[in-house]
Amino acid sequence: MLQDYRVYRLNREGHIVRGEYVAAADDERAIQLVRDQAHDTDCEIWLGSRKVAVIPADGSEPKRPR
């Protein structure tokens, strides 16, 4: 079953400049879908009120909250 993850693109100050939805079966797939897209800004992925990961624009590894 697919879930709607919210993806927020952030400016250099960390403020949201745009949001979009990504449908994915789980967190790992959502992260991969966002990483596969070319982004010139950092992105946060959320599922409801839970932050799943931050995807850095520089292509480095996603940062996941503990």
PDB file of N, CA and C in Angstrom:
ATOM      1  N   MET A   1       0.834  -1.176   0.000  1.00  0.00           N
ATOM      2  CA  MET A   1       0.000   0.000   0.000  1.00  0.00           C
ATOM      3  C   MET A   1       0.886   1.250   0.000  1.00  0.00           C
ATOM      4  N   LEU A   2       0.586   2.175  -0.887  1.00  0.00           N
ATOM      5  CA  LEU A   2       1.370   3.399  -0.978  1.00  0.00           C
ATOM      6  C   LEU A   2       0.892   4.424   0.040  1.00  0.00           C
ATOM      7  N   GLN A   3       1.853   5.181   0.550  1.00  0.00           N
ATOM      8  CA  GLN A   3       1.568   6.256   1.491  1.00  0.00           C
ATOM      9  C   GLN A   3       2.001   7.569   0.846  1.00  0.00           C
ATOM     10  N   ASP A   4       1.321   8.649   1.178  1.00  0.00           N
ATOM     11  CA  ASP A   4       1.686   9.958   0.656  1.00  0.00           C
ATOM     12  C   ASP A   4       2.675  10.634   1.592  1.00  0.00           C
ATOM     13  N   TYR A   5       3.899  10.754   1.126  1.00  0.00           N
ATOM     14  CA  TYR A   5       4.940  11.463   1.855  1.00  0.00           C
ATOM     15  C   TYR A   5       4.965  12.902   1.354  1.00  0.00           C
ATOM     16  N   ARG A   6       5.210  13.830   2.240  1.00  0.00           N
ATOM     17  CA  ARG A   6       5.312  15.231   1.866  1.00  0.00           C
ATOM     18  C   ARG A   6       6.791  15.567   1.757  1.00  0.00           C
ATOM     19  N   VAL A   7       7.171  16.212   0.657  1.00  0.00           N
ATOM     20  CA  VAL A   7       8.554  16.623   0.433  1.00  0.00           C
ATOM     21  C   VAL A   7       8.591  18.144   0.426  1.00  0.00           C
ATOM     22  N   TYR A   8       9.429  18.705   1.288  1.00  0.00           N
ATOM     23  CA  TYR A   8       9.575  20.158   1.376  1.00  0.00           C
ATOM     24  C   TYR A   8      10.957  20.549   0.860  1.00  0.00           C
ATOM     25  N   ARG A   9      10.981  21.451  -0.098  1.00  0.00           N
ATOM     26  CA  ARG A   9      12.253  22.005  -0.572  1.00  0.00           C
ATOM     27  C   ARG A   9      12.575  23.222   0.280  1.00  0.00           C
ATOM     28  N   LEU A  10      13.830  23.302   0.711  1.00  0.00           N
ATOM     29  CA  LEU A  10      14.247  24.349   1.649  1.00  0.00           C
ATOM     30  C   LEU A  10      15.206  25.337   0.987  1.00  0.00           C
ATOM     31  N   ASN A  11      15.125  26.607   1.403  1.00  0.00           N
ATOM     32  CA  ASN A  11      16.105  27.570   0.915  1.00  0.00           C
ATOM     33  C   ASN A  11      17.357  27.490   1.781  1.00  0.00           C
ATOM     34  N   ARG A  12      18.304  28.339   1.530  1.00  0.00           N
ATOM     35  CA  ARG A  12      19.586  28.286   2.266  1.00  0.00           C
ATOM     36  C   ARG A  12      19.434  28.542   3.757  1.00  0.00           C
ATOM     37  N   GLU A  13      18.364  29.235   4.132  1.00  0.00           N
ATOM     38  CA  GLU A  13      18.120  29.509   5.543  1.00  0.00           C
ATOM     39  C   GLU A  13      17.316  28.401   6.207  1.00  0.00           C
ATOM     40  N   GLY A  14      16.930  27.384   5.446  1.00  0.00           N
ATOM     41  CA  GLY A  14      16.175  26.273   5.997  1.00  0.00           C
ATOM     42  C   GLY A  14      14.668  26.480   6.005  1.00  0.00           C
ATOM     43  N   HIS A  15      14.197  27.500   5.297  1.00  0.00           N
ATOM     44  CA  HIS A  15      12.763  27.773   5.217  1.00  0.00           C
ATOM     45  C   HIS A  15      12.155  27.062   4.011  1.00  0.00           C
ATOM     46  N   ILE A  16      10.936  26.621   4.155  1.00  0.00           N
ATOM     47  CA  ILE A  16      10.241  25.913   3.076  1.00  0.00           C
ATOM     48  C   ILE A  16       9.934  26.892   1.946  1.00  0.00           C
ATOM     49  N   VAL A  17      10.299  26.486   0.715  1.00  0.00           N
ATOM     50  CA  VAL A  17       9.974  27.298  -0.452  1.00  0.00           C
ATOM     51  C   VAL A  17       8.972  26.603  -1.367  1.00  0.00           C
ATOM     52  N   ARG A  18       8.834  25.284  -1.208  1.00  0.00           N
ATOM     53  CA  ARG A  18       7.883  24.539  -2.029  1.00  0.00           C
ATOM     54  C   ARG A  18       7.631  23.175  -1.411  1.00  0.00           C
ATOM     55  N   GLY A  19       6.439  22.666  -1.600  1.00  0.00           N
ATOM     56  CA  GLY A  19       6.092  21.339  -1.108  1.00  0.00           C
ATOM     57  C   GLY A  19       5.451  20.521  -2.206  1.00  0.00           C
ATOM     58  N   GLU A  20       5.631  19.222  -2.131  1.00  0.00           N
ATOM     59  CA  GLU A  20       5.025  18.303  -3.094  1.00  0.00           C
ATOM     60  C   GLU A  20       4.832  16.953  -2.415  1.00  0.00           C
ATOM     61  N   TYR A  21       4.025  16.112  -3.017  1.00  0.00           N
ATOM     62  CA  TYR A  21       3.789  14.771  -2.484  1.00  0.00           C
ATOM     63  C   TYR A  21       4.546  13.736  -3.300  1.00  0.00           C
ATOM     64  N   VAL A  22       4.976  12.678  -2.617  1.00  0.00           N
ATOM     65  CA  VAL A  22       5.579  11.510  -3.255  1.00  0.00           C
ATOM     66  C   VAL A  22       4.872  10.286  -2.674  1.00  0.00           C
ATOM     67  N   ALA A  23       4.393   9.417  -3.527  1.00  0.00           N
ATOM     68  CA  ALA A  23       3.742   8.186  -3.075  1.00  0.00           C
ATOM     69  C   ALA A  23       4.785   7.074  -3.034  1.00  0.00           C
ATOM     70  N   ALA A  24       4.891   6.409  -1.885  1.00  0.00           N
ATOM     71  CA  ALA A  24       5.878   5.338  -1.715  1.00  0.00           C
ATOM     72  C   ALA A  24       5.355   4.310  -0.724  1.00  0.00           C
ATOM     73  N   ALA A  25       5.867   3.094  -0.851  1.00  0.00           N
ATOM     74  CA  ALA A  25       5.445   1.997   0.018  1.00  0.00           C
ATOM     75  C   ALA A  25       6.047   2.102   1.416  1.00  0.00           C
ATOM     76  N   ASP A  26       7.250   2.707   1.528  1.00  0.00           N
ATOM     77  CA  ASP A  26       7.910   2.806   2.827  1.00  0.00           C
ATOM     78  C   ASP A  26       8.920   3.951   2.808  1.00  0.00           C
ATOM     79  N   ASP A  27       9.543   4.192   3.953  1.00  0.00           N
ATOM     80  CA  ASP A  27      10.494   5.301   4.091  1.00  0.00           C
ATOM     81  C   ASP A  27      11.656   5.176   3.104  1.00  0.00           C
ATOM     82  N   GLU A  28      12.212   3.984   2.995  1.00  0.00           N
ATOM     83  CA  GLU A  28      13.377   3.794   2.129  1.00  0.00           C
ATOM     84  C   GLU A  28      13.064   4.142   0.678  1.00  0.00           C
ATOM     85  N   ARG A  29      11.893   3.729   0.219  1.00  0.00           N
ATOM     86  CA  ARG A  29      11.499   4.023  -1.164  1.00  0.00           C
ATOM     87  C   ARG A  29      11.257   5.519  -1.343  1.00  0.00           C
ATOM     88  N   ALA A  30      10.652   6.170  -0.375  1.00  0.00           N
ATOM     89  CA  ALA A  30      10.434   7.615  -0.448  1.00  0.00           C
ATOM     90  C   ALA A  30      11.771   8.349  -0.538  1.00  0.00           C
ATOM     91  N   ILE A  31      12.723   7.945   0.283  1.00  0.00           N
ATOM     92  CA  ILE A  31      14.056   8.555   0.252  1.00  0.00           C
ATOM     93  C   ILE A  31      14.687   8.350  -1.114  1.00  0.00           C
ATOM     94  N   GLN A  32      14.603   7.149  -1.644  1.00  0.00           N
ATOM     95  CA  GLN A  32      15.205   6.874  -2.954  1.00  0.00           C
ATOM     96  C   GLN A  32      14.551   7.692  -4.059  1.00  0.00           C
ATOM     97  N   LEU A  33      13.236   7.816  -4.029  1.00  0.00           N
ATOM     98  CA  LEU A  33      12.536   8.602  -5.054  1.00  0.00           C
ATOM     99  C   LEU A  33      12.981  10.059  -5.025  1.00  0.00           C
ATOM    100  N   VAL A  34      13.132  10.618  -3.837  1.00  0.00           N
ATOM    101  CA  VAL A  34      13.564  12.016  -3.727  1.00  0.00           C
ATOM    102  C   VAL A  34      15.019  12.156  -4.161  1.00  0.00           C
ATOM    103  N   ARG A  35      15.871  11.221  -3.781  1.00  0.00           N
ATOM    104  CA  ARG A  35      17.288  11.279  -4.168  1.00  0.00           C
ATOM    105  C   ARG A  35      17.457  11.144  -5.676  1.00  0.00           C
ATOM    106  N   ASP A  36      16.574  10.393  -6.326  1.00  0.00           N
ATOM    107  CA  ASP A  36      16.677  10.188  -7.776  1.00  0.00           C
ATOM    108  C   ASP A  36      16.327  11.444  -8.565  1.00  0.00           C
ATOM    109  N   GLN A  37      15.621  12.367  -7.943  1.00  0.00           N
ATOM    110  CA  GLN A  37      15.277  13.623  -8.611  1.00  0.00           C
ATOM    111  C   GLN A  37      16.422  14.615  -8.410  1.00  0.00           C
ATOM    112  N   ALA A  38      16.647  15.440  -9.413  1.00  0.00           N
ATOM    113  CA  ALA A  38      17.690  16.462  -9.291  1.00  0.00           C
ATOM    114  C   ALA A  38      17.141  17.613  -8.457  1.00  0.00           C
ATOM    115  N   HIS A  39      17.847  17.947  -7.382  1.00  0.00           N
ATOM    116  CA  HIS A  39      17.430  19.044  -6.514  1.00  0.00           C
ATOM    117  C   HIS A  39      18.594  20.011  -6.331  1.00  0.00           C
ATOM    118  N   ASP A  40      18.282  21.286  -6.379  1.00  0.00           N
ATOM    119  CA  ASP A  40      19.311  22.290  -6.115  1.00  0.00           C
ATOM    120  C   ASP A  40      19.169  22.858  -4.703  1.00  0.00           C
ATOM    121  N   THR A  41      18.265  22.243  -3.927  1.00  0.00           N
ATOM    122  CA  THR A  41      18.069  22.644  -2.535  1.00  0.00           C
ATOM    123  C   THR A  41      17.971  21.388  -1.667  1.00  0.00           C
ATOM    124  N   ASP A  42      18.204  21.562  -0.373  1.00  0.00           N
ATOM    125  CA  ASP A  42      17.960  20.456   0.550  1.00  0.00           C
ATOM    126  C   ASP A  42      16.463  20.177   0.585  1.00  0.00           C
ATOM    127  N   CYS A  43      16.095  18.937   0.880  1.00  0.00           N
ATOM    128  CA  CYS A  43      14.689  18.550   0.964  1.00  0.00           C
ATOM    129  C   CYS A  43      14.445  17.795   2.263  1.00  0.00           C
ATOM    130  N   GLU A  44      13.302  18.043   2.869  1.00  0.00           N
ATOM    131  CA  GLU A  44      12.851  17.265   4.015  1.00  0.00           C
ATOM    132  C   GLU A  44      11.709  16.371   3.564  1.00  0.00           C
ATOM    133  N   ILE A  45      11.700  15.152   4.070  1.00  0.00           N
ATOM    134  CA  ILE A  45      10.612  14.213   3.785  1.00  0.00           C
ATOM    135  C   ILE A  45       9.870  13.963   5.090  1.00  0.00           C
ATOM    136  N   TRP A  46       8.536  14.075   5.007  1.00  0.00           N
ATOM    137  CA  TRP A  46       7.685  13.886   6.175  1.00  0.00           C
ATOM    138  C   TRP A  46       6.585  12.886   5.857  1.00  0.00           C
ATOM    139  N   LEU A  47       6.209  12.108   6.848  1.00  0.00           N
ATOM    140  CA  LEU A  47       5.030  11.247   6.778  1.00  0.00           C
ATOM    141  C   LEU A  47       4.171  11.641   7.971  1.00  0.00           C
ATOM    142  N   GLY A  48       3.103  12.372   7.691  1.00  0.00           N
ATOM    143  CA  GLY A  48       2.296  12.924   8.775  1.00  0.00           C
ATOM    144  C   GLY A  48       3.136  13.885   9.589  1.00  0.00           C
ATOM    145  N   SER A  49       3.185  13.704  10.904  1.00  0.00           N
ATOM    146  CA  SER A  49       3.964  14.589  11.773  1.00  0.00           C
ATOM    147  C   SER A  49       5.370  14.060  12.051  1.00  0.00           C
ATOM    148  N   ARG A  50       5.756  12.986  11.350  1.00  0.00           N
ATOM    149  CA  ARG A  50       7.080  12.372  11.563  1.00  0.00           C
ATOM    150  C   ARG A  50       8.043  12.762  10.459  1.00  0.00           C
ATOM    151  N   LYS A  51       9.164  13.389  10.852  1.00  0.00           N
ATOM    152  CA  LYS A  51      10.212  13.701   9.888  1.00  0.00           C
ATOM    153  C   LYS A  51      10.953  12.409   9.558  1.00  0.00           C
ATOM    154  N   VAL A  52      10.994  12.066   8.280  1.00  0.00           N
ATOM    155  CA  VAL A  52      11.621  10.828   7.830  1.00  0.00           C
ATOM    156  C   VAL A  52      13.103  11.038   7.562  1.00  0.00           C
ATOM    157  N   ALA A  53      13.445  12.109   6.831  1.00  0.00           N
ATOM    158  CA  ALA A  53      14.842  12.346   6.472  1.00  0.00           C
ATOM    159  C   ALA A  53      15.009  13.728   5.878  1.00  0.00           C
ATOM    160  N   VAL A  54      16.268  14.178   5.888  1.00  0.00           N
ATOM    161  CA  VAL A  54      16.671  15.373   5.145  1.00  0.00           C
ATOM    162  C   VAL A  54      17.603  14.893   4.045  1.00  0.00           C
ATOM    163  N   ILE A  55      17.295  15.296   2.815  1.00  0.00           N
ATOM    164  CA  ILE A  55      18.109  14.918   1.666  1.00  0.00           C
ATOM    165  C   ILE A  55      18.936  16.144   1.274  1.00  0.00           C
ATOM    166  N   PRO A  56      20.262  16.097   1.494  1.00  0.00           N
ATOM    167  CA  PRO A  56      21.102  17.246   1.151  1.00  0.00           C
ATOM    168  C   PRO A  56      21.208  17.432  -0.364  1.00  0.00           C
ATOM    169  N   ALA A  57      21.230  18.682  -0.793  1.00  0.00           N
ATOM    170  CA  ALA A  57      21.341  19.000  -2.223  1.00  0.00           C
ATOM    171  C   ALA A  57      22.684  18.565  -2.796  1.00  0.00           C
ATOM    172  N   ASP A  58      23.695  18.440  -1.947  1.00  0.00           N
ATOM    173  CA  ASP A  58      25.031  18.089  -2.445  1.00  0.00           C
ATOM    174  C   ASP A  58      25.194  16.600  -2.754  1.00  0.00           C
ATOM    175  N   GLY A  59      24.123  15.821  -2.573  1.00  0.00           N
ATOM    176  CA  GLY A  59      24.184  14.397  -2.911  1.00  0.00           C
ATOM    177  C   GLY A  59      24.737  13.508  -1.805  1.00  0.00           C
ATOM    178  N   SER A  60      25.068  14.092  -0.666  1.00  0.00           N
ATOM    179  CA  SER A  60      25.580  13.274   0.432  1.00  0.00           C
ATOM    180  C   SER A  60      24.449  12.428   1.025  1.00  0.00           C
ATOM    181  N   GLU A  61      24.801  11.564   1.941  1.00  0.00           N
ATOM    182  CA  GLU A  61      23.845  10.633   2.528  1.00  0.00           C
ATOM    183  C   GLU A  61      22.709  11.371   3.234  1.00  0.00           C
ATOM    184  N   PRO A  62      21.490  10.826   3.138  1.00  0.00           N
ATOM    185  CA  PRO A  62      20.369  11.431   3.861  1.00  0.00           C
ATOM    186  C   PRO A  62      20.609  11.434   5.364  1.00  0.00           C
ATOM    187  N   LYS A  63      20.096  12.447   6.014  1.00  0.00           N
ATOM    188  CA  LYS A  63      20.178  12.543   7.469  1.00  0.00           C
ATOM    189  C   LYS A  63      18.833  12.142   8.033  1.00  0.00           C
ATOM    190  N   ARG A  64      18.854  11.136   8.886  1.00  0.00           N
ATOM    191  CA  ARG A  64      17.602  10.643   9.490  1.00  0.00           C
ATOM    192  C   ARG A  64      17.582  10.992  10.953  1.00  0.00           C
ATOM    193  N   PRO A  65      16.425  11.478  11.440  1.00  0.00           N
ATOM    194  CA  PRO A  65      16.324  11.798  12.872  1.00  0.00           C
ATOM    195  C   PRO A  65      16.445  10.536  13.721  1.00  0.00           C
ATOM    196  N   ARG A  66      16.919  10.706  14.913  1.00  0.00           N
ATOM    197  CA  ARG A  66      17.080   9.569  15.834  1.00  0.00           C
ATOM    198  C   ARG A  66      15.899   9.456  16.722  1.00  0.00           C
TER     199      ARG A  66
END
